[in-house]
């Protein structure tokens, strides 16, 4: 994470669209005016997010799971699973989302949707890093949706990144911080059609590389 902060600033200071997009988004949200130091924090967290990927994907599963130092709401999650209705975990791109499926899959079956990479070697690395324990990843197509439905009907948990850009015909235009954003609706449709219990989940980075909450 220390090296990630350096990487984050190196990327931010490199000429290109990244710097302007990052700053404009914070201004548009109104957060930068209220929290002037937020830009500096976001730059560092962006770099941390890049460099923690090898640690999560390539370390032995037990060591990855041990990085999670604390959980909140786990009792409610287990109680929801006991209902047999299935659970939908909505995990936006906040913190270390990559560790969530491995933490859960070390304890029980877990199916998550992912967008396959264009390069075969990168896609293979992603799958090898994510499909461990009882984890299964499925693509963002009809076969993936069917797999998610099957898992919910078996009373299992599934994971979805709900803030990805929806493909044409799979979303709805919705206001978002003063702009119209084409927003995926699959998460809501899965919950409505199966009666599954929804949870929002994220893995917060603890200070000084101490792990995650």
N, C-alpha and C. Protein backbone atom coordinates (compact mmCIF):
# COMPACT_ATOMS: atom_id res chain seq x y z
N UNK A 1 0.82 -1.21 0.00
CA UNK A 1 0.00 0.00 0.00
C UNK A 1 0.86 1.26 0.00
N UNK A 2 2.02 1.19 0.68
CA UNK A 2 2.93 2.33 0.65
C UNK A 2 3.41 2.61 -0.76
N UNK A 3 3.81 1.55 -1.45
CA UNK A 3 4.22 1.70 -2.85
C UNK A 3 3.05 2.13 -3.73
N UNK A 4 1.85 1.70 -3.36
CA UNK A 4 0.67 2.07 -4.13
C UNK A 4 0.41 3.56 -4.11
N UNK A 5 0.66 4.20 -2.97
CA UNK A 5 0.48 5.65 -2.89
C UNK A 5 1.42 6.35 -3.88
N UNK A 6 2.66 5.86 -3.95
CA UNK A 6 3.63 6.44 -4.90
C UNK A 6 3.14 6.22 -6.33
N UNK A 7 2.67 5.01 -6.62
CA UNK A 7 2.17 4.71 -7.96
C UNK A 7 0.97 5.58 -8.30
N UNK A 8 0.07 5.78 -7.33
CA UNK A 8 -1.10 6.60 -7.57
C UNK A 8 -0.74 8.02 -7.98
N UNK A 9 0.26 8.59 -7.31
CA UNK A 9 0.68 9.94 -7.67
C UNK A 9 1.41 9.97 -9.00
N UNK A 10 2.17 8.91 -9.29
CA UNK A 10 2.86 8.86 -10.59
C UNK A 10 1.85 8.85 -11.73
N UNK A 11 0.77 8.11 -11.56
CA UNK A 11 -0.27 8.05 -12.59
C UNK A 11 -0.99 9.39 -12.67
N UNK A 12 -1.30 9.98 -11.52
CA UNK A 12 -2.04 11.24 -11.49
C UNK A 12 -1.26 12.37 -12.16
N UNK A 13 0.07 12.37 -11.97
CA UNK A 13 0.90 13.45 -12.51
C UNK A 13 1.30 13.21 -13.96
N UNK A 14 1.00 12.03 -14.49
CA UNK A 14 1.30 11.75 -15.89
C UNK A 14 0.26 12.44 -16.78
N UNK A 15 0.70 13.15 -17.82
CA UNK A 15 -0.27 13.83 -18.69
C UNK A 15 -1.29 12.84 -19.27
N UNK A 16 -2.53 13.25 -19.28
CA UNK A 16 -3.60 12.41 -19.81
C UNK A 16 -4.93 12.81 -19.22
N UNK A 17 -5.96 12.03 -19.51
CA UNK A 17 -7.32 12.36 -19.09
C UNK A 17 -7.62 11.96 -17.66
N UNK A 18 -6.78 11.07 -17.09
CA UNK A 18 -7.08 10.53 -15.77
C UNK A 18 -7.20 11.64 -14.73
N UNK A 19 -6.23 12.58 -14.72
CA UNK A 19 -6.22 13.63 -13.71
C UNK A 19 -7.47 14.50 -13.79
N UNK A 20 -7.81 14.93 -15.00
CA UNK A 20 -8.97 15.80 -15.17
C UNK A 20 -10.26 15.08 -14.80
N UNK A 21 -10.38 13.81 -15.21
CA UNK A 21 -11.60 13.06 -14.91
C UNK A 21 -11.77 12.87 -13.41
N UNK A 22 -10.68 12.52 -12.74
CA UNK A 22 -10.75 12.30 -11.30
C UNK A 22 -11.17 13.56 -10.56
N UNK A 23 -10.53 14.67 -10.90
CA UNK A 23 -10.83 15.93 -10.22
C UNK A 23 -12.23 16.41 -10.56
N UNK A 24 -12.63 16.31 -11.81
CA UNK A 24 -13.96 16.75 -12.21
C UNK A 24 -15.06 15.96 -11.53
N UNK A 25 -14.85 14.65 -11.37
CA UNK A 25 -15.85 13.82 -10.70
C UNK A 25 -16.03 14.24 -9.24
N UNK A 26 -14.92 14.53 -8.57
CA UNK A 26 -15.02 14.96 -7.18
C UNK A 26 -15.70 16.32 -7.07
N UNK A 27 -15.43 17.21 -8.03
CA UNK A 27 -16.09 18.52 -8.02
C UNK A 27 -17.58 18.35 -8.30
N UNK A 28 -17.92 17.52 -9.29
CA UNK A 28 -19.32 17.30 -9.65
C UNK A 28 -20.12 16.73 -8.48
N UNK A 29 -19.49 15.87 -7.70
CA UNK A 29 -20.19 15.24 -6.57
C UNK A 29 -20.41 16.21 -5.42
N UNK A 30 -19.67 17.31 -5.40
CA UNK A 30 -19.75 18.25 -4.30
C UNK A 30 -18.89 17.88 -3.11
N UNK A 31 -18.18 16.78 -3.21
CA UNK A 31 -17.39 16.30 -2.08
C UNK A 31 -16.10 17.08 -1.90
N UNK A 32 -15.52 17.54 -3.01
CA UNK A 32 -14.22 18.19 -2.92
C UNK A 32 -14.32 19.52 -2.18
N UNK A 33 -15.42 20.23 -2.38
CA UNK A 33 -15.59 21.51 -1.68
C UNK A 33 -15.71 21.31 -0.18
N UNK A 34 -16.37 20.21 0.21
CA UNK A 34 -16.56 19.94 1.64
C UNK A 34 -15.33 19.32 2.28
N UNK A 35 -14.53 18.60 1.48
CA UNK A 35 -13.36 17.90 2.00
C UNK A 35 -12.17 18.16 1.08
N UNK A 36 -11.46 19.27 1.26
CA UNK A 36 -10.38 19.64 0.34
C UNK A 36 -9.26 18.60 0.25
N UNK A 37 -9.05 17.83 1.30
CA UNK A 37 -7.99 16.82 1.28
C UNK A 37 -8.39 15.52 0.61
N UNK A 38 -9.62 15.45 0.12
CA UNK A 38 -10.12 14.20 -0.44
C UNK A 38 -9.39 13.80 -1.72
N UNK A 39 -9.02 14.78 -2.54
CA UNK A 39 -8.32 14.47 -3.78
C UNK A 39 -7.03 13.73 -3.50
N UNK A 40 -6.27 14.21 -2.53
CA UNK A 40 -5.01 13.55 -2.17
C UNK A 40 -5.25 12.12 -1.72
N UNK A 41 -6.31 11.92 -0.94
CA UNK A 41 -6.62 10.58 -0.45
C UNK A 41 -7.02 9.65 -1.59
N UNK A 42 -7.85 10.15 -2.50
CA UNK A 42 -8.31 9.31 -3.61
C UNK A 42 -7.15 8.90 -4.52
N UNK A 43 -6.23 9.82 -4.76
CA UNK A 43 -5.06 9.49 -5.58
C UNK A 43 -4.28 8.33 -4.96
N UNK A 44 -4.05 8.40 -3.65
CA UNK A 44 -3.33 7.33 -2.97
C UNK A 44 -4.09 6.02 -2.98
N UNK A 45 -5.40 6.08 -2.74
CA UNK A 45 -6.19 4.84 -2.70
C UNK A 45 -6.26 4.18 -4.07
N UNK A 46 -6.25 4.98 -5.12
CA UNK A 46 -6.25 4.41 -6.47
C UNK A 46 -5.00 3.57 -6.71
N UNK A 47 -3.85 4.10 -6.30
CA UNK A 47 -2.61 3.34 -6.44
C UNK A 47 -2.60 2.09 -5.58
N UNK A 48 -3.13 2.19 -4.37
CA UNK A 48 -3.21 1.01 -3.50
C UNK A 48 -4.05 -0.09 -4.16
N UNK A 49 -5.14 0.33 -4.79
CA UNK A 49 -6.02 -0.64 -5.43
C UNK A 49 -5.33 -1.42 -6.53
N UNK A 50 -4.42 -0.77 -7.23
CA UNK A 50 -3.69 -1.46 -8.31
C UNK A 50 -2.66 -2.44 -7.76
N UNK A 51 -1.91 -2.02 -6.76
CA UNK A 51 -0.81 -2.86 -6.29
C UNK A 51 -1.26 -3.95 -5.32
N UNK A 52 -2.47 -3.86 -4.80
CA UNK A 52 -2.93 -4.93 -3.92
C UNK A 52 -3.47 -6.13 -4.71
N UNK A 53 -3.70 -5.94 -6.02
CA UNK A 53 -4.21 -7.05 -6.82
C UNK A 53 -3.29 -8.27 -6.79
N UNK A 54 -1.97 -8.14 -7.02
CA UNK A 54 -1.12 -9.33 -6.95
C UNK A 54 -1.14 -9.99 -5.58
N UNK A 55 -1.22 -9.19 -4.52
CA UNK A 55 -1.25 -9.76 -3.17
C UNK A 55 -2.50 -10.60 -2.94
N UNK A 56 -3.62 -10.17 -3.51
CA UNK A 56 -4.87 -10.90 -3.33
C UNK A 56 -4.95 -12.10 -4.27
N UNK A 57 -4.53 -11.94 -5.51
CA UNK A 57 -4.66 -13.01 -6.49
C UNK A 57 -3.61 -14.11 -6.35
N UNK A 58 -2.40 -13.77 -5.92
CA UNK A 58 -1.30 -14.72 -5.98
C UNK A 58 -0.91 -15.32 -4.64
N UNK A 59 -1.29 -14.74 -3.54
CA UNK A 59 -0.97 -15.33 -2.24
C UNK A 59 -1.84 -16.56 -1.99
N UNK A 60 -1.37 -17.48 -1.13
CA UNK A 60 -2.22 -18.61 -0.73
C UNK A 60 -3.53 -18.12 -0.11
N UNK A 61 -4.60 -18.86 -0.33
CA UNK A 61 -5.93 -18.42 0.08
C UNK A 61 -6.00 -18.14 1.58
N UNK A 62 -5.38 -18.99 2.40
CA UNK A 62 -5.48 -18.78 3.85
C UNK A 62 -4.83 -17.47 4.27
N UNK A 63 -3.75 -17.09 3.59
CA UNK A 63 -3.09 -15.82 3.92
C UNK A 63 -3.92 -14.63 3.45
N UNK A 64 -4.60 -14.79 2.34
CA UNK A 64 -5.48 -13.71 1.86
C UNK A 64 -6.62 -13.50 2.83
N UNK A 65 -7.26 -14.59 3.25
CA UNK A 65 -8.39 -14.49 4.17
C UNK A 65 -7.95 -13.87 5.49
N UNK A 66 -6.72 -14.16 5.91
CA UNK A 66 -6.21 -13.63 7.18
C UNK A 66 -6.03 -12.11 7.13
N UNK A 67 -5.98 -11.53 5.94
CA UNK A 67 -5.85 -10.09 5.81
C UNK A 67 -7.12 -9.35 6.26
N UNK A 68 -8.24 -10.06 6.31
CA UNK A 68 -9.49 -9.46 6.80
C UNK A 68 -9.47 -9.54 8.32
N UNK A 69 -9.29 -8.40 8.96
CA UNK A 69 -9.12 -8.37 10.42
C UNK A 69 -10.43 -8.27 11.18
N UNK A 70 -11.47 -7.80 10.52
CA UNK A 70 -12.73 -7.55 11.23
C UNK A 70 -13.88 -7.58 10.23
N UNK A 71 -15.01 -8.08 10.66
CA UNK A 71 -16.22 -8.02 9.82
C UNK A 71 -17.37 -7.45 10.65
N UNK A 72 -18.22 -6.74 9.96
CA UNK A 72 -19.42 -6.19 10.60
C UNK A 72 -20.64 -6.65 9.80
N UNK A 73 -21.64 -7.14 10.48
CA UNK A 73 -22.85 -7.61 9.82
C UNK A 73 -22.81 -9.07 9.39
N UNK A 74 -21.76 -9.80 9.80
CA UNK A 74 -21.65 -11.20 9.37
C UNK A 74 -22.79 -12.05 9.93
N UNK A 75 -23.21 -11.77 11.15
CA UNK A 75 -24.30 -12.55 11.75
C UNK A 75 -25.59 -12.38 10.93
N UNK A 76 -25.85 -11.17 10.49
CA UNK A 76 -27.06 -10.94 9.67
C UNK A 76 -26.94 -11.65 8.32
N UNK A 77 -25.73 -11.68 7.77
CA UNK A 77 -25.51 -12.37 6.50
C UNK A 77 -25.77 -13.87 6.65
N UNK A 78 -25.25 -14.48 7.71
CA UNK A 78 -25.48 -15.90 7.93
C UNK A 78 -26.95 -16.20 8.19
N UNK A 79 -27.61 -15.32 8.92
CA UNK A 79 -29.04 -15.51 9.17
C UNK A 79 -29.84 -15.45 7.87
N UNK A 80 -29.44 -14.55 6.98
CA UNK A 80 -30.13 -14.46 5.68
C UNK A 80 -29.94 -15.73 4.88
N UNK A 81 -28.74 -16.31 4.91
CA UNK A 81 -28.50 -17.56 4.19
C UNK A 81 -29.36 -18.69 4.76
N UNK A 82 -29.55 -18.69 6.06
CA UNK A 82 -30.35 -19.75 6.69
C UNK A 82 -31.80 -19.72 6.23
N UNK A 83 -32.25 -18.57 5.74
CA UNK A 83 -33.64 -18.46 5.28
C UNK A 83 -33.88 -19.28 4.02
N UNK A 84 -32.80 -19.61 3.28
CA UNK A 84 -32.93 -20.40 2.07
C UNK A 84 -33.35 -19.61 0.85
N UNK A 85 -33.49 -18.30 0.96
CA UNK A 85 -33.92 -17.48 -0.17
C UNK A 85 -32.77 -17.04 -1.07
N UNK A 86 -31.55 -17.25 -0.60
CA UNK A 86 -30.41 -16.75 -1.33
C UNK A 86 -30.08 -15.32 -0.94
N UNK A 87 -28.84 -14.92 -1.17
CA UNK A 87 -28.37 -13.59 -0.78
C UNK A 87 -27.66 -12.95 -1.97
N UNK A 88 -27.98 -11.69 -2.23
CA UNK A 88 -27.28 -10.91 -3.26
C UNK A 88 -26.38 -9.90 -2.56
N UNK A 89 -25.08 -10.05 -2.77
CA UNK A 89 -24.11 -9.11 -2.21
C UNK A 89 -23.74 -8.10 -3.30
N UNK A 90 -24.14 -6.86 -3.12
CA UNK A 90 -23.80 -5.80 -4.05
C UNK A 90 -22.52 -5.14 -3.56
N UNK A 91 -21.45 -5.27 -4.33
CA UNK A 91 -20.14 -4.77 -3.91
C UNK A 91 -19.65 -3.72 -4.91
N UNK A 92 -19.94 -2.45 -4.66
CA UNK A 92 -19.43 -1.40 -5.56
C UNK A 92 -17.90 -1.37 -5.54
N UNK A 93 -17.32 -0.64 -6.49
CA UNK A 93 -15.86 -0.53 -6.56
C UNK A 93 -15.36 0.40 -5.46
N UNK A 94 -15.46 -0.06 -4.23
CA UNK A 94 -15.02 0.69 -3.06
C UNK A 94 -14.06 -0.19 -2.27
N UNK A 95 -12.89 0.32 -1.94
CA UNK A 95 -11.94 -0.47 -1.18
C UNK A 95 -11.43 -1.65 -1.99
N UNK A 96 -11.11 -2.74 -1.31
CA UNK A 96 -10.56 -3.93 -1.97
C UNK A 96 -11.68 -4.92 -2.27
N UNK A 97 -12.43 -4.65 -3.32
CA UNK A 97 -13.56 -5.54 -3.64
C UNK A 97 -13.08 -6.94 -4.03
N UNK A 98 -11.83 -7.06 -4.48
CA UNK A 98 -11.33 -8.37 -4.92
C UNK A 98 -11.24 -9.38 -3.78
N UNK A 99 -11.12 -8.92 -2.54
CA UNK A 99 -10.94 -9.84 -1.43
C UNK A 99 -12.27 -10.38 -0.91
N UNK A 100 -13.36 -9.74 -1.31
CA UNK A 100 -14.67 -10.09 -0.75
C UNK A 100 -15.08 -11.51 -1.13
N UNK A 101 -14.97 -11.84 -2.43
CA UNK A 101 -15.43 -13.16 -2.85
C UNK A 101 -14.56 -14.26 -2.25
N UNK A 102 -13.26 -14.03 -2.10
CA UNK A 102 -12.38 -15.05 -1.52
C UNK A 102 -12.68 -15.24 -0.04
N UNK A 103 -12.95 -14.16 0.66
CA UNK A 103 -13.27 -14.26 2.09
C UNK A 103 -14.54 -15.09 2.30
N UNK A 104 -15.53 -14.86 1.48
CA UNK A 104 -16.79 -15.61 1.61
C UNK A 104 -16.63 -17.03 1.10
N UNK A 105 -15.93 -17.19 -0.04
CA UNK A 105 -15.79 -18.51 -0.65
C UNK A 105 -14.92 -19.44 0.17
N UNK A 106 -14.15 -18.90 1.12
CA UNK A 106 -13.39 -19.77 2.02
C UNK A 106 -14.31 -20.46 3.02
N UNK A 107 -15.57 -20.01 3.08
CA UNK A 107 -16.52 -20.55 4.06
C UNK A 107 -17.72 -21.25 3.44
N UNK A 108 -18.10 -20.85 2.22
CA UNK A 108 -19.30 -21.41 1.61
C UNK A 108 -19.31 -21.11 0.11
N UNK A 109 -20.19 -21.78 -0.65
CA UNK A 109 -20.25 -21.53 -2.09
C UNK A 109 -20.59 -20.07 -2.39
N UNK A 110 -19.94 -19.53 -3.42
CA UNK A 110 -20.15 -18.13 -3.76
C UNK A 110 -19.93 -17.96 -5.26
N UNK A 111 -20.91 -17.39 -5.94
CA UNK A 111 -20.84 -17.15 -7.38
C UNK A 111 -20.84 -15.65 -7.63
N UNK A 112 -19.89 -15.20 -8.43
CA UNK A 112 -19.77 -13.77 -8.71
C UNK A 112 -19.68 -13.54 -10.21
N UNK A 113 -20.24 -12.43 -10.65
CA UNK A 113 -20.18 -12.07 -12.06
C UNK A 113 -18.97 -11.18 -12.32
N UNK A 114 -18.32 -11.40 -13.46
CA UNK A 114 -17.17 -10.58 -13.81
C UNK A 114 -17.15 -10.34 -15.31
N UNK A 115 -16.46 -9.29 -15.72
CA UNK A 115 -16.34 -8.96 -17.13
C UNK A 115 -15.05 -9.56 -17.66
N UNK A 116 -15.10 -10.56 -18.54
CA UNK A 116 -13.88 -11.19 -19.05
C UNK A 116 -12.95 -10.18 -19.71
N UNK A 117 -11.65 -10.36 -19.49
CA UNK A 117 -10.65 -9.49 -20.11
C UNK A 117 -10.49 -9.84 -21.59
N UNK A 118 -10.08 -8.86 -22.37
CA UNK A 118 -9.91 -9.10 -23.80
C UNK A 118 -8.73 -10.03 -24.08
N UNK A 119 -7.65 -9.87 -23.31
CA UNK A 119 -6.47 -10.72 -23.50
C UNK A 119 -6.65 -12.03 -22.75
N UNK A 120 -6.37 -13.13 -23.43
CA UNK A 120 -6.59 -14.46 -22.84
C UNK A 120 -5.72 -14.68 -21.61
N UNK A 121 -4.45 -14.23 -21.65
CA UNK A 121 -3.57 -14.47 -20.51
C UNK A 121 -4.02 -13.67 -19.29
N UNK A 122 -4.50 -12.44 -19.50
CA UNK A 122 -5.00 -11.64 -18.39
C UNK A 122 -6.27 -12.25 -17.82
N UNK A 123 -7.14 -12.72 -18.70
CA UNK A 123 -8.38 -13.34 -18.24
C UNK A 123 -8.09 -14.60 -17.43
N UNK A 124 -7.11 -15.37 -17.87
CA UNK A 124 -6.74 -16.58 -17.14
C UNK A 124 -6.21 -16.24 -15.76
N UNK A 125 -5.39 -15.18 -15.66
CA UNK A 125 -4.87 -14.76 -14.37
C UNK A 125 -6.00 -14.31 -13.44
N UNK A 126 -6.95 -13.56 -13.98
CA UNK A 126 -8.09 -13.11 -13.18
C UNK A 126 -8.87 -14.29 -12.63
N UNK A 127 -9.14 -15.27 -13.47
CA UNK A 127 -9.93 -16.42 -13.03
C UNK A 127 -9.16 -17.25 -12.00
N UNK A 128 -7.87 -17.43 -12.22
CA UNK A 128 -7.07 -18.21 -11.27
C UNK A 128 -7.03 -17.52 -9.91
N UNK A 129 -6.96 -16.19 -9.93
CA UNK A 129 -6.91 -15.46 -8.66
C UNK A 129 -8.24 -15.42 -7.94
N UNK A 130 -9.34 -15.46 -8.71
CA UNK A 130 -10.66 -15.31 -8.11
C UNK A 130 -11.35 -16.63 -7.81
N UNK A 131 -11.08 -17.66 -8.60
CA UNK A 131 -11.79 -18.94 -8.42
C UNK A 131 -11.00 -19.84 -7.48
N UNK A 132 -11.05 -19.53 -6.22
CA UNK A 132 -10.41 -20.35 -5.21
C UNK A 132 -11.39 -20.60 -4.07
N UNK A 133 -11.09 -21.60 -3.25
CA UNK A 133 -12.07 -21.98 -2.25
C UNK A 133 -13.31 -22.50 -2.95
N UNK A 134 -14.46 -22.00 -2.57
CA UNK A 134 -15.72 -22.39 -3.20
C UNK A 134 -16.25 -21.29 -4.11
N UNK A 135 -15.32 -20.49 -4.64
CA UNK A 135 -15.72 -19.37 -5.50
C UNK A 135 -15.84 -19.81 -6.96
N UNK A 136 -16.80 -19.23 -7.62
CA UNK A 136 -17.00 -19.44 -9.06
C UNK A 136 -17.31 -18.10 -9.68
N UNK A 137 -16.64 -17.76 -10.79
CA UNK A 137 -16.95 -16.52 -11.49
C UNK A 137 -17.61 -16.85 -12.81
N UNK A 138 -18.58 -16.03 -13.20
CA UNK A 138 -19.35 -16.26 -14.42
C UNK A 138 -19.35 -14.98 -15.23
N UNK A 139 -19.40 -15.07 -16.56
CA UNK A 139 -19.30 -13.88 -17.41
C UNK A 139 -20.57 -13.04 -17.42
N UNK A 140 -20.43 -11.82 -17.89
CA UNK A 140 -21.56 -10.89 -17.96
C UNK A 140 -22.36 -11.13 -19.23
N UNK A 141 -22.97 -12.30 -19.33
CA UNK A 141 -23.84 -12.61 -20.46
C UNK A 141 -24.98 -13.48 -19.95
N UNK A 142 -25.78 -14.02 -20.88
CA UNK A 142 -26.96 -14.79 -20.48
C UNK A 142 -26.58 -16.02 -19.67
N UNK A 143 -25.47 -16.68 -20.03
CA UNK A 143 -25.06 -17.85 -19.26
C UNK A 143 -24.71 -17.48 -17.83
N UNK A 144 -24.11 -16.29 -17.65
CA UNK A 144 -23.78 -15.83 -16.31
C UNK A 144 -25.02 -15.53 -15.49
N UNK A 145 -26.01 -14.90 -16.11
CA UNK A 145 -27.27 -14.60 -15.42
C UNK A 145 -27.95 -15.89 -14.99
N UNK A 146 -27.96 -16.89 -15.86
CA UNK A 146 -28.57 -18.18 -15.50
C UNK A 146 -27.84 -18.84 -14.33
N UNK A 147 -26.50 -18.71 -14.32
CA UNK A 147 -25.72 -19.27 -13.21
C UNK A 147 -26.05 -18.57 -11.90
N UNK A 148 -26.22 -17.25 -11.95
CA UNK A 148 -26.58 -16.51 -10.74
C UNK A 148 -27.97 -16.92 -10.24
N UNK A 149 -28.91 -17.07 -11.15
CA UNK A 149 -30.26 -17.51 -10.76
C UNK A 149 -30.22 -18.89 -10.13
N UNK A 150 -29.41 -19.79 -10.73
CA UNK A 150 -29.30 -21.14 -10.17
C UNK A 150 -28.75 -21.12 -8.76
N UNK A 151 -27.74 -20.30 -8.52
CA UNK A 151 -27.15 -20.21 -7.18
C UNK A 151 -28.17 -19.68 -6.17
N UNK A 152 -28.94 -18.67 -6.56
CA UNK A 152 -29.93 -18.12 -5.65
C UNK A 152 -31.02 -19.15 -5.35
N UNK A 153 -31.42 -19.91 -6.34
CA UNK A 153 -32.46 -20.92 -6.11
C UNK A 153 -31.96 -22.05 -5.22
N UNK A 154 -30.64 -22.23 -5.16
CA UNK A 154 -30.06 -23.21 -4.23
C UNK A 154 -29.86 -22.61 -2.84
N UNK A 155 -30.23 -21.35 -2.66
CA UNK A 155 -30.09 -20.69 -1.38
C UNK A 155 -28.69 -20.20 -1.09
N UNK A 156 -27.87 -20.02 -2.14
CA UNK A 156 -26.49 -19.59 -1.96
C UNK A 156 -26.36 -18.08 -2.10
N UNK A 157 -25.15 -17.61 -1.93
CA UNK A 157 -24.87 -16.18 -2.06
C UNK A 157 -24.23 -15.90 -3.42
N UNK A 158 -24.56 -14.76 -3.99
CA UNK A 158 -23.93 -14.32 -5.24
C UNK A 158 -23.40 -12.90 -5.05
N UNK A 159 -22.44 -12.52 -5.89
CA UNK A 159 -21.88 -11.18 -5.82
C UNK A 159 -21.97 -10.47 -7.15
N UNK A 160 -22.31 -9.18 -7.09
CA UNK A 160 -22.44 -8.35 -8.29
C UNK A 160 -21.78 -7.00 -8.03
N UNK A 161 -21.02 -6.51 -9.01
CA UNK A 161 -20.51 -5.14 -8.95
C UNK A 161 -21.57 -4.24 -9.59
N UNK A 162 -22.39 -3.59 -8.79
CA UNK A 162 -23.59 -2.91 -9.32
C UNK A 162 -23.31 -1.58 -10.01
N UNK A 163 -22.07 -1.08 -9.95
CA UNK A 163 -21.79 0.23 -10.52
C UNK A 163 -21.07 0.15 -11.86
N UNK A 164 -21.06 -1.02 -12.48
CA UNK A 164 -20.49 -1.13 -13.82
C UNK A 164 -21.45 -0.51 -14.83
N UNK A 165 -20.91 -0.09 -15.96
CA UNK A 165 -21.75 0.47 -17.02
C UNK A 165 -22.58 -0.65 -17.64
N UNK A 166 -23.87 -0.44 -17.72
CA UNK A 166 -24.74 -1.46 -18.29
C UNK A 166 -24.60 -1.51 -19.81
N UNK A 167 -24.79 -2.69 -20.38
CA UNK A 167 -24.83 -2.82 -21.83
C UNK A 167 -26.20 -2.34 -22.32
N UNK A 168 -26.26 -2.02 -23.60
CA UNK A 168 -27.49 -1.47 -24.17
C UNK A 168 -28.65 -2.44 -23.98
N UNK A 169 -29.74 -1.95 -23.40
CA UNK A 169 -30.90 -2.78 -23.16
C UNK A 169 -30.93 -3.41 -21.79
N UNK A 170 -29.84 -3.29 -21.02
CA UNK A 170 -29.77 -3.92 -19.70
C UNK A 170 -29.73 -2.89 -18.57
N UNK A 171 -30.18 -1.67 -18.85
CA UNK A 171 -30.11 -0.65 -17.81
C UNK A 171 -31.22 0.38 -17.97
N UNK A 172 -31.10 1.43 -17.19
CA UNK A 172 -32.06 2.53 -17.23
C UNK A 172 -31.32 3.83 -16.94
N UNK A 173 -31.77 4.91 -17.54
CA UNK A 173 -31.16 6.21 -17.29
C UNK A 173 -31.65 6.72 -15.94
N UNK A 174 -30.71 7.12 -15.10
CA UNK A 174 -31.06 7.60 -13.76
C UNK A 174 -30.18 8.78 -13.40
N UNK A 175 -30.71 9.75 -12.63
CA UNK A 175 -29.89 10.90 -12.23
C UNK A 175 -28.84 10.49 -11.21
N UNK A 176 -27.62 10.97 -11.41
CA UNK A 176 -26.50 10.61 -10.53
C UNK A 176 -25.61 11.83 -10.37
N UNK A 177 -25.67 12.47 -9.18
CA UNK A 177 -24.88 13.68 -8.90
C UNK A 177 -25.05 14.73 -10.00
N UNK A 178 -26.30 14.96 -10.40
CA UNK A 178 -26.57 16.02 -11.36
C UNK A 178 -26.39 15.64 -12.81
N UNK A 179 -26.05 14.37 -13.08
CA UNK A 179 -25.91 13.90 -14.46
C UNK A 179 -26.79 12.67 -14.66
N UNK A 180 -27.09 12.41 -15.93
CA UNK A 180 -27.82 11.19 -16.25
C UNK A 180 -26.82 10.08 -16.54
N UNK A 181 -26.97 8.95 -15.86
CA UNK A 181 -26.05 7.82 -16.01
C UNK A 181 -26.84 6.58 -16.40
N UNK A 182 -26.33 5.84 -17.38
CA UNK A 182 -26.99 4.59 -17.78
C UNK A 182 -26.61 3.52 -16.77
N UNK A 183 -27.58 3.13 -15.96
CA UNK A 183 -27.34 2.35 -14.75
C UNK A 183 -27.88 0.93 -14.90
N UNK A 184 -27.09 -0.09 -14.53
CA UNK A 184 -27.58 -1.47 -14.64
C UNK A 184 -28.75 -1.73 -13.69
N UNK A 185 -29.68 -2.54 -14.15
CA UNK A 185 -30.87 -2.87 -13.35
C UNK A 185 -30.91 -4.35 -12.98
N UNK A 186 -29.90 -5.13 -13.38
CA UNK A 186 -29.94 -6.57 -13.16
C UNK A 186 -30.00 -6.93 -11.68
N UNK A 187 -29.28 -6.19 -10.85
CA UNK A 187 -29.27 -6.49 -9.41
C UNK A 187 -30.68 -6.45 -8.85
N UNK A 188 -31.41 -5.39 -9.18
CA UNK A 188 -32.78 -5.25 -8.68
C UNK A 188 -33.68 -6.35 -9.25
N UNK A 189 -33.51 -6.65 -10.54
CA UNK A 189 -34.36 -7.68 -11.15
C UNK A 189 -34.13 -9.05 -10.52
N UNK A 190 -32.89 -9.37 -10.21
CA UNK A 190 -32.60 -10.66 -9.56
C UNK A 190 -33.25 -10.74 -8.18
N UNK A 191 -33.17 -9.65 -7.44
CA UNK A 191 -33.78 -9.64 -6.10
C UNK A 191 -35.29 -9.77 -6.20
N UNK A 192 -35.90 -9.03 -7.13
CA UNK A 192 -37.35 -9.05 -7.26
C UNK A 192 -37.87 -10.41 -7.74
N UNK A 193 -37.12 -11.05 -8.64
CA UNK A 193 -37.61 -12.30 -9.23
C UNK A 193 -37.39 -13.51 -8.33
N UNK A 194 -36.47 -13.42 -7.39
CA UNK A 194 -36.16 -14.59 -6.54
C UNK A 194 -36.50 -14.39 -5.07
N UNK A 195 -36.72 -13.15 -4.66
CA UNK A 195 -36.95 -12.90 -3.24
C UNK A 195 -35.67 -12.95 -2.42
N UNK A 196 -34.51 -12.93 -3.09
CA UNK A 196 -33.24 -12.97 -2.39
C UNK A 196 -33.06 -11.75 -1.49
N UNK A 197 -32.26 -11.91 -0.45
CA UNK A 197 -32.04 -10.83 0.52
C UNK A 197 -30.79 -10.05 0.11
N UNK A 198 -30.90 -8.73 -0.08
CA UNK A 198 -29.76 -7.94 -0.55
C UNK A 198 -28.90 -7.39 0.59
N UNK A 199 -27.61 -7.32 0.35
CA UNK A 199 -26.66 -6.68 1.26
C UNK A 199 -25.72 -5.81 0.43
N UNK A 200 -25.34 -4.67 1.01
CA UNK A 200 -24.24 -3.89 0.45
C UNK A 200 -22.98 -4.30 1.20
N UNK A 201 -21.88 -4.48 0.47
CA UNK A 201 -20.66 -4.95 1.11
C UNK A 201 -19.45 -4.25 0.51
N UNK A 202 -18.45 -3.99 1.35
CA UNK A 202 -17.19 -3.41 0.88
C UNK A 202 -16.09 -3.85 1.82
N UNK A 203 -14.85 -3.79 1.36
CA UNK A 203 -13.68 -4.11 2.18
C UNK A 203 -12.86 -2.84 2.34
N UNK A 204 -12.93 -2.26 3.51
CA UNK A 204 -12.23 -1.01 3.80
C UNK A 204 -10.76 -1.28 4.10
N UNK A 205 -9.88 -0.52 3.50
CA UNK A 205 -8.45 -0.65 3.79
C UNK A 205 -8.13 -0.04 5.15
N UNK A 206 -7.48 -0.80 6.01
CA UNK A 206 -7.04 -0.29 7.30
C UNK A 206 -5.73 0.49 7.12
N UNK A 207 -5.45 1.45 7.99
CA UNK A 207 -4.23 2.26 7.84
C UNK A 207 -2.96 1.43 7.94
N UNK A 208 -1.93 1.91 7.27
CA UNK A 208 -0.57 1.36 7.35
C UNK A 208 -0.50 -0.12 6.94
N UNK A 209 -1.32 -0.50 5.97
CA UNK A 209 -1.24 -1.85 5.43
C UNK A 209 -1.60 -2.95 6.41
N UNK A 210 -2.46 -2.65 7.39
CA UNK A 210 -2.77 -3.64 8.43
C UNK A 210 -3.83 -4.64 7.99
N UNK A 211 -4.38 -4.49 6.79
CA UNK A 211 -5.39 -5.42 6.32
C UNK A 211 -6.68 -4.70 5.97
N UNK A 212 -7.80 -5.38 6.20
CA UNK A 212 -9.10 -4.88 5.75
C UNK A 212 -10.18 -5.10 6.79
N UNK A 213 -11.18 -4.24 6.71
CA UNK A 213 -12.38 -4.41 7.52
C UNK A 213 -13.54 -4.64 6.57
